[in-house]
Amino acid sequence: MKADLTSLRQILEARLKEATSGKALSDSLHIHQVADPIDMTQEAARRDVAVQILDRESSLVRHLRLAIDRIKDGSYGICLQCEEEIAPRRLKAIPWAELCIRCQEQAENSVSQREHISAFEELLKAA
């Protein structure tokens, strides 16, 4: 098991290095002055996409660092919600997984429900 964790830590660290080397992406956030309204719209759309990608990458970096910390402190592979073991197949697919499948599904359902409620509240305000 120790060798598996060492190998897994190397994989996580390599992925972390890969995820933190996105300088080209951050360069796409620079604002370029353009006079044409269509060019302005295209430039804004490019920036929006770049921001979404940076947001996703920063989230991944955070999850990778936390997974490496869990390997160090011996809690890797244990669900942060229910404290049950996370299935090895899940960890193989997503080495930085923090939750078991059951808890992940519950978390996603909870977020989905909050989004639906929020959208419904917005509709009520607009009416």
Protein backbone atom coordinates (compact mmCIF):
# COMPACT_ATOMS: atom_id res chain seq x y z
CA MET A 1 0.00 0.00 0.00
CA LYS A 2 2.90 2.38 0.79
CA ALA A 3 4.28 1.94 -2.74
CA ASP A 4 0.81 2.60 -4.17
CA LEU A 5 0.55 5.86 -2.23
CA THR A 6 4.03 6.92 -3.32
CA SER A 7 3.11 6.26 -6.94
CA LEU A 8 -0.21 8.03 -6.51
CA ARG A 9 1.47 11.03 -4.91
CA GLN A 10 3.83 11.26 -7.89
CA ILE A 11 0.86 11.18 -10.26
CA LEU A 12 -0.91 13.91 -8.27
CA GLU A 13 2.23 16.06 -8.12
CA ALA A 14 2.78 15.68 -11.89
CA ARG A 15 -0.83 16.67 -12.53
CA LEU A 16 -0.40 19.63 -10.15
CA LYS A 17 2.68 20.79 -12.03
CA GLU A 18 0.79 20.48 -15.31
CA ALA A 19 -2.21 22.39 -13.95
CA THR A 20 -0.12 25.26 -12.57
CA SER A 21 1.80 25.90 -15.78
CA GLY A 22 -1.07 27.68 -17.56
CA LYS A 23 0.68 31.00 -18.27
CA ALA A 24 -0.59 31.12 -21.85
CA LEU A 25 -4.15 30.94 -20.58
CA SER A 26 -3.69 33.84 -18.18
CA ASP A 27 -2.21 35.89 -21.02
CA SER A 28 -5.55 35.58 -22.80
CA LEU A 29 -7.14 37.64 -20.01
CA HIS A 30 -5.35 40.81 -21.07
CA ILE A 31 -7.72 43.44 -22.32
CA HIS A 32 -7.09 44.48 -25.89
CA GLN A 33 -8.52 47.77 -27.06
CA VAL A 34 -10.60 47.34 -30.20
CA ALA A 35 -12.89 49.87 -31.84
CA ASP A 36 -15.29 47.58 -33.66
CA PRO A 37 -18.30 46.49 -31.54
CA ILE A 38 -18.20 42.99 -33.03
CA ASP A 39 -14.50 42.65 -32.14
CA MET A 40 -15.30 43.91 -28.63
CA THR A 41 -17.95 41.22 -28.25
CA GLN A 42 -15.60 38.50 -29.50
CA GLU A 43 -12.83 39.73 -27.18
CA ALA A 44 -15.23 39.68 -24.21
CA ALA A 45 -16.36 36.15 -25.10
CA ARG A 46 -12.73 34.97 -25.28
CA ARG A 47 -12.03 36.49 -21.87
CA ASP A 48 -15.14 34.85 -20.39
CA VAL A 49 -14.01 31.44 -21.64
CA ALA A 50 -10.49 32.03 -20.31
CA VAL A 51 -11.88 33.01 -16.90
CA GLN A 52 -14.02 29.86 -16.76
CA ILE A 53 -11.03 27.69 -17.67
CA LEU A 54 -8.83 29.43 -15.07
CA ASP A 55 -11.54 28.95 -12.47
CA ARG A 56 -11.78 25.23 -13.26
CA GLU A 57 -7.98 24.88 -13.22
CA SER A 58 -7.64 26.69 -9.89
CA SER A 59 -10.28 24.40 -8.40
CA LEU A 60 -8.38 21.38 -9.70
CA VAL A 61 -5.12 22.72 -8.23
CA ARG A 62 -6.82 23.12 -4.84
CA HIS A 63 -8.19 19.55 -4.98
CA LEU A 64 -4.80 18.15 -6.03
CA ARG A 65 -3.01 19.92 -3.17
CA LEU A 66 -5.59 18.70 -0.68
CA ALA A 67 -5.24 15.12 -1.98
CA ILE A 68 -1.45 15.32 -1.56
CA ASP A 69 -1.98 16.63 1.99
CA ARG A 70 -4.33 13.71 2.72
CA ILE A 71 -1.67 11.26 1.53
CA LYS A 72 0.82 12.95 3.87
CA ASP A 73 -1.48 12.82 6.90
CA GLY A 74 -2.77 9.31 6.22
CA SER A 75 -6.39 10.22 5.51
CA TYR A 76 -6.26 9.68 1.73
CA GLY A 77 -9.03 7.45 0.39
CA ILE A 78 -11.44 8.25 3.21
CA CYS A 79 -14.63 10.16 2.36
CA LEU A 80 -14.63 13.60 3.95
CA GLN A 81 -18.39 13.40 4.48
CA CYS A 82 -19.21 9.92 5.80
CA GLU A 83 -15.63 8.80 6.63
CA GLU A 84 -16.10 5.53 4.75
CA GLU A 85 -13.46 4.24 2.35
CA ILE A 86 -13.66 5.66 -1.17
CA ALA A 87 -13.83 2.87 -3.75
CA PRO A 88 -10.44 2.13 -5.35
CA ARG A 89 -12.02 2.34 -8.83
CA ARG A 90 -13.20 5.87 -8.06
CA LEU A 91 -9.76 6.90 -6.83
CA LYS A 92 -8.19 5.38 -9.91
CA ALA A 93 -10.51 7.47 -12.11
CA ILE A 94 -10.30 10.63 -9.98
CA PRO A 95 -7.22 10.43 -7.71
CA TRP A 96 -8.14 13.70 -6.00
CA ALA A 97 -11.68 12.55 -5.09
CA GLU A 98 -12.73 13.75 -1.65
CA LEU A 99 -16.09 12.02 -1.43
CA CYS A 100 -17.37 8.52 -2.03
CA ILE A 101 -19.86 8.06 -4.86
CA ARG A 102 -22.90 8.19 -2.56
CA CYS A 103 -21.82 11.43 -0.85
CA GLN A 104 -20.76 12.97 -4.17
CA GLU A 105 -24.20 12.27 -5.63
CA GLN A 106 -25.86 13.78 -2.56
CA ALA A 107 -23.66 16.89 -2.85
CA GLU A 108 -24.46 17.27 -6.56
CA ASN A 109 -28.19 16.80 -5.93
CA SER A 110 -28.06 19.43 -3.19
CA VAL A 111 -26.32 21.92 -5.51
CA SER A 112 -28.81 21.16 -8.27
CA GLN A 113 -31.74 21.74 -5.93
CA ARG A 114 -30.26 25.06 -4.74
CA GLU A 115 -29.78 26.16 -8.36
CA HIS A 116 -33.39 25.28 -9.20
CA ILE A 117 -34.69 27.16 -6.16
CA SER A 118 -32.54 30.16 -7.00
CA ALA A 119 -33.76 30.18 -10.62
CA PHE A 120 -37.37 29.89 -9.41
CA GLU A 121 -36.86 32.80 -6.99
CA GLU A 122 -35.46 34.90 -9.83
CA LEU A 123 -38.53 34.12 -11.93
CA LEU A 124 -40.79 35.18 -9.07
CA LYS A 125 -38.90 38.47 -8.68
CA ALA A 126 -39.21 39.18 -12.40
CA ALA A 127 -42.97 38.55 -12.37
